[in-house]
Amino acid sequence: MKALLIDDEQPNLDNLRALLAAYCPQVEICGTALSARTAKSLLHTHQPDLLFLDIQMPEQSGLDLLRSLPDYPFDVIFVTAYDQYAIQALRFAAIDYLLKPIAIDELQAAVARAEHQRRRKEQNQLLQNLVHLLKAPPDPDGQRIALSTAKETRFVKTVEIIRCESSNNYTTFYLAGGEALLVCRPIYAYDDLLEEYGFVRCHQSHLVNKTFIRSWKKEFGDFLLLTDGSEVPIARGKKEALKRKLRL
């Protein structure tokens, strides 16, 4: 989980960073902020999964920061030294908080709950996509596939996928907008799934969307030239089947 640490005192940030590094290896610190104003900018830049947020800060408190945001695509663990009113509110809202000085076991428990919450959100997204697929009639132009990366589960339209490339048990999806998504599943898991949406297997390590094929190059071996400029090799054993699928 990517985490942003927000506290108006540098020693507190240093201490929390050290504790997370030592006892919570599942947390990757993407930034720190000494004020709510700086934090707001970093939120937009890093898009963290988790905030460690000090409540009492000068100018703007942690709660003021939250009130200024349009939405909350992250989990929050509040960090506070006192403020009994805020603690009572947090308890009623079932939101995690840590009291300073931070106890290691409480820190680990809070991070574990945040991690569980994040996984549950991803599972809910997957279920929503399943319901959408079951309700909607097949639509090649609107069909979406769930791709789980290390950071998120993305729902991508099949028509936006240019090609897929295998690397052992991982598959990289190259999208029309120039983005590449690395998924922890082997390419053969997508072979039959994407075939009915116009994808062809031209090589053991490559799956290509026919829509994006520009030409079949025969210089120095056989390659497919795609509209994004990439060249994909054609395996000798795939040539005849590929010709049939491309009606050559």
Protein backbone atom coordinates (compact mmCIF):
# COMPACT_ATOMS: atom_id res chain seq x y z
CA MET A 1 0.00 0.00 0.00
CA LYS A 2 1.26 3.47 -0.87
CA ALA A 3 1.09 5.71 2.20
CA LEU A 4 1.32 9.47 2.73
CA LEU A 5 2.45 10.65 6.20
CA ILE A 6 1.09 14.01 7.39
CA ASP A 7 2.25 15.67 10.61
CA ASP A 8 3.36 19.20 11.43
CA GLU A 9 6.41 18.00 13.41
CA GLN A 10 9.35 16.45 11.53
CA PRO A 11 10.46 14.18 14.43
CA ASN A 12 7.01 12.59 14.41
CA LEU A 13 7.27 11.94 10.68
CA ASP A 14 10.76 10.46 11.09
CA ASN A 15 9.61 8.21 13.92
CA LEU A 16 6.55 6.95 12.01
CA ARG A 17 8.64 6.35 8.90
CA ALA A 18 11.12 4.27 10.92
CA LEU A 19 8.36 2.24 12.58
CA LEU A 20 6.66 1.47 9.27
CA ALA A 21 9.95 0.46 7.67
CA ALA A 22 10.76 -1.88 10.54
CA TYR A 23 7.36 -3.39 11.32
CA CYS A 24 5.02 -2.86 8.34
CA PRO A 25 6.83 -3.97 5.15
CA GLN A 26 3.56 -3.96 3.19
CA VAL A 27 3.51 -0.15 3.40
CA GLU A 28 5.44 1.92 0.84
CA ILE A 29 5.87 5.55 1.89
CA CYS A 30 5.27 7.73 -1.18
CA GLY A 31 5.63 11.09 0.58
CA THR A 32 5.51 13.15 3.75
CA ALA A 33 3.91 16.52 4.47
CA LEU A 34 4.30 19.03 7.30
CA SER A 35 1.02 20.82 6.54
CA ALA A 36 -2.44 20.16 5.15
CA ARG A 37 -1.70 22.44 2.19
CA THR A 38 1.35 20.40 1.16
CA ALA A 39 -0.55 17.19 1.76
CA LYS A 40 -3.32 18.24 -0.60
CA SER A 41 -0.83 18.70 -3.43
CA LEU A 42 0.83 15.33 -2.70
CA LEU A 43 -2.54 13.58 -2.66
CA HIS A 44 -3.09 14.61 -6.25
CA THR A 45 0.46 13.67 -7.30
CA HIS A 46 0.86 10.29 -5.60
CA GLN A 47 -2.75 9.07 -5.19
CA PRO A 48 -1.95 7.05 -2.04
CA ASP A 49 -3.93 4.10 -0.71
CA LEU A 50 -3.47 5.13 2.91
CA LEU A 51 -3.05 8.36 4.91
CA PHE A 52 -1.43 8.62 8.33
CA LEU A 53 -2.99 11.93 9.31
CA ASP A 54 -2.23 14.10 12.33
CA ILE A 55 -5.40 15.74 13.67
CA GLN A 56 -4.04 18.87 15.29
CA MET A 57 -1.94 21.02 12.97
CA PRO A 58 -1.62 24.81 12.66
CA GLU A 59 -3.60 26.67 9.97
CA GLN A 60 -5.51 23.56 8.87
CA SER A 61 -6.15 20.47 10.96
CA GLY A 62 -6.31 16.96 9.59
CA LEU A 63 -10.10 17.11 9.76
CA ASP A 64 -10.06 20.44 7.87
CA LEU A 65 -8.02 18.73 5.14
CA LEU A 66 -10.60 15.99 4.78
CA ARG A 67 -13.45 18.50 4.68
CA SER A 68 -11.73 20.27 1.76
CA LEU A 69 -11.54 17.15 -0.43
CA PRO A 70 -14.24 16.16 -2.95
CA ASP A 71 -13.86 12.42 -2.35
CA TYR A 72 -11.84 9.89 -0.36
CA PRO A 73 -10.22 7.19 -2.56
CA PHE A 74 -7.96 6.17 0.32
CA ASP A 75 -8.12 4.82 3.88
CA VAL A 76 -7.13 7.00 6.82
CA ILE A 77 -5.36 6.20 10.08
CA PHE A 78 -5.46 9.26 12.31
CA VAL A 79 -2.51 10.02 14.57
CA THR A 80 -3.10 12.23 17.60
CA ALA A 81 -1.63 13.15 20.98
CA TYR A 82 -4.85 14.12 22.76
CA ASP A 83 -8.02 15.91 21.50
CA GLN A 84 -10.60 13.85 23.41
CA TYR A 85 -13.47 15.19 21.30
CA ALA A 86 -11.88 13.94 18.08
CA ILE A 87 -11.07 10.55 19.62
CA GLN A 88 -14.68 10.09 20.68
CA ALA A 89 -15.86 10.94 17.16
CA LEU A 90 -13.37 8.48 15.67
CA ARG A 91 -14.61 5.73 17.96
CA PHE A 92 -18.22 6.32 16.99
CA ALA A 93 -17.29 6.33 13.29
CA ALA A 94 -15.21 3.13 13.67
CA ILE A 95 -12.22 4.88 12.08
CA ASP A 96 -8.71 3.80 13.02
CA TYR A 97 -6.53 6.09 15.08
CA LEU A 98 -3.19 5.87 16.87
CA LEU A 99 -2.24 7.72 20.03
CA LYS A 100 1.20 9.29 20.31
CA PRO A 101 3.63 7.86 21.23
CA ILE A 102 2.75 5.13 18.76
CA ALA A 103 2.70 1.56 20.05
CA ILE A 104 4.11 -0.98 17.57
CA ASP A 105 1.35 -3.57 18.04
CA GLU A 106 -1.37 -0.93 17.54
CA LEU A 107 0.38 0.33 14.41
CA GLN A 108 0.59 -3.17 12.95
CA ALA A 109 -3.07 -3.86 13.77
CA ALA A 110 -4.22 -0.62 12.15
CA VAL A 111 -2.21 -1.31 8.99
CA ALA A 112 -3.58 -4.87 8.82
CA ARG A 113 -7.15 -3.55 9.05
CA ALA A 114 -6.45 -1.02 6.30
CA GLU A 115 -4.99 -3.76 4.11
CA HIS A 116 -8.05 -5.94 4.69
CA GLN A 117 -10.35 -3.02 3.90
CA ARG A 118 -8.50 -2.36 0.64
CA ARG A 119 -8.79 -5.99 -0.45
CA ARG A 120 -12.49 -5.96 0.39
CA LYS A 121 -12.98 -2.86 -1.75
CA GLU A 122 -11.23 -4.59 -4.66
CA GLN A 123 -13.43 -7.65 -4.17
CA ASN A 124 -16.54 -5.43 -4.20
CA GLN A 125 -15.34 -3.87 -7.47
CA LEU A 126 -14.86 -7.32 -8.98
CA LEU A 127 -18.36 -8.37 -7.89
CA GLN A 128 -19.83 -5.18 -9.37
CA ASN A 129 -18.10 -5.95 -12.66
CA LEU A 130 -19.45 -9.51 -12.55
CA VAL A 131 -23.00 -8.27 -12.03
CA HIS A 132 -22.53 -5.79 -14.87
CA LEU A 133 -21.34 -8.58 -17.19
CA LEU A 134 -24.22 -10.86 -16.25
CA LYS A 135 -26.86 -8.15 -16.70
CA ALA A 136 -25.58 -6.60 -19.90
CA PRO A 137 -25.87 -8.32 -23.30
CA PRO A 138 -22.54 -9.10 -24.99
CA ASP A 139 -21.11 -5.92 -26.51
CA PRO A 140 -17.62 -6.21 -28.07
CA ASP A 141 -17.18 -2.42 -28.02
CA GLY A 142 -18.18 -2.04 -24.37
CA GLN A 143 -16.91 -5.28 -22.85
CA ARG A 144 -14.58 -4.67 -19.91
CA ILE A 145 -12.01 -7.00 -18.40
CA ALA A 146 -10.75 -6.76 -14.81
CA LEU A 147 -6.95 -6.50 -14.63
CA SER A 148 -5.43 -6.77 -11.16
CA THR A 149 -2.08 -4.99 -10.86
CA ALA A 150 0.05 -4.55 -7.74
CA LYS A 151 -1.61 -1.20 -7.04
CA GLU A 152 -5.22 -1.56 -8.17
CA THR A 153 -7.83 -3.50 -10.10
CA ARG A 154 -8.48 -1.76 -13.41
CA PHE A 155 -11.53 -2.32 -15.59
CA VAL A 156 -10.39 -1.94 -19.19
CA LYS A 157 -12.43 -2.11 -22.39
CA THR A 158 -11.16 -4.88 -24.65
CA VAL A 159 -11.23 -2.48 -27.61
CA GLU A 160 -8.59 -0.34 -25.83
CA ILE A 161 -6.07 -3.20 -25.53
CA ILE A 162 -3.49 -3.17 -28.34
CA ARG A 163 -1.58 -6.29 -27.32
CA CYS A 164 -0.53 -8.54 -24.46
CA GLU A 165 3.02 -9.74 -23.84
CA SER A 166 4.05 -12.59 -21.57
CA SER A 167 6.95 -12.66 -19.13
CA ASN A 168 6.94 -15.95 -17.21
CA ASN A 169 3.81 -15.83 -15.01
CA TYR A 170 3.16 -12.13 -15.69
CA THR A 171 1.37 -10.46 -18.58
CA THR A 172 1.79 -6.85 -19.69
CA PHE A 173 -1.26 -5.21 -21.30
CA TYR A 174 -0.43 -2.36 -23.67
CA LEU A 175 -3.33 0.10 -24.01
CA ALA A 176 -4.27 2.49 -26.79
CA GLY A 177 -3.53 5.52 -24.61
CA GLY A 178 0.11 4.49 -24.21
CA GLU A 179 -0.29 2.95 -20.75
CA ALA A 180 1.11 -0.48 -19.83
CA LEU A 181 -0.39 -2.62 -17.05
CA LEU A 182 1.54 -5.51 -15.50
CA VAL A 183 -0.78 -8.30 -14.31
CA CYS A 184 0.23 -11.28 -12.19
CA ARG A 185 -1.37 -13.91 -14.43
CA PRO A 186 0.11 -15.90 -17.34
CA ILE A 187 -0.89 -14.98 -20.89
CA TYR A 188 -2.66 -18.28 -21.57
CA ALA A 189 -5.29 -17.27 -19.00
CA TYR A 190 -6.44 -14.58 -21.45
CA ASP A 191 -6.07 -16.52 -24.72
CA ASP A 192 -9.57 -18.03 -25.01
CA LEU A 193 -11.12 -15.12 -23.11
CA LEU A 194 -9.97 -12.49 -25.64
CA GLU A 195 -10.19 -14.58 -28.81
CA GLU A 196 -13.88 -13.81 -29.33
CA TYR A 197 -13.06 -10.08 -29.15
CA GLY A 198 -10.68 -10.14 -32.11
CA PHE A 199 -7.39 -11.12 -30.48
CA VAL A 200 -4.98 -13.51 -32.21
CA ARG A 201 -2.06 -15.50 -30.78
CA CYS A 202 0.87 -14.94 -33.14
CA HIS A 203 3.57 -16.16 -30.78
CA GLN A 204 3.91 -18.05 -27.53
CA SER A 205 4.51 -14.75 -25.73
CA HIS A 206 2.23 -12.42 -27.69
CA LEU A 207 -1.50 -11.85 -28.07
CA VAL A 208 -2.57 -9.10 -30.49
CA ASN A 209 -5.79 -7.18 -31.12
CA LYS A 210 -6.46 -7.47 -34.89
CA THR A 211 -7.86 -3.94 -34.93
CA PHE A 212 -4.40 -2.51 -34.30
CA ILE A 213 -2.49 -4.53 -36.92
CA ARG A 214 -1.04 -2.24 -39.59
CA SER A 215 0.91 -4.73 -41.69
CA TRP A 216 2.65 -8.10 -41.89
CA LYS A 217 6.38 -7.48 -42.37
CA LYS A 218 8.46 -10.21 -44.01
CA GLU A 219 11.92 -8.65 -43.88
CA PHE A 220 14.37 -10.40 -41.56
CA GLY A 221 11.65 -12.79 -40.40
CA ASP A 222 7.91 -12.39 -39.96
CA PHE A 223 6.56 -9.59 -37.76
CA LEU A 224 3.26 -7.81 -37.20
CA LEU A 225 3.62 -4.03 -37.30
CA LEU A 226 1.02 -2.43 -35.03
CA THR A 227 -0.48 1.05 -35.16
CA ASP A 228 1.49 2.14 -32.07
CA GLY A 229 4.74 1.39 -33.90
CA SER A 230 5.54 -1.82 -32.03
CA GLU A 231 6.65 -4.97 -33.86
CA VAL A 232 5.49 -8.37 -32.68
CA PRO A 233 7.20 -11.57 -33.87
CA ILE A 234 5.23 -14.30 -35.62
CA ALA A 235 6.19 -17.83 -34.60
CA ARG A 236 6.75 -20.25 -37.46
CA GLY A 237 4.18 -22.67 -36.07
CA LYS A 238 1.53 -19.90 -35.82
CA LYS A 239 1.84 -18.56 -39.39
CA GLU A 240 -0.80 -20.66 -41.14
CA ALA A 241 -3.41 -20.30 -38.39
CA LEU A 242 -2.73 -16.57 -38.25
CA LYS A 243 -3.20 -16.23 -42.03
CA ARG A 244 -6.61 -17.91 -41.74
CA LYS A 245 -7.69 -15.61 -38.93
CA LEU A 246 -6.50 -12.55 -40.86
CA ARG A 247 -8.04 -13.94 -44.09
CA LEU A 248 -4.78 -13.83 -46.02
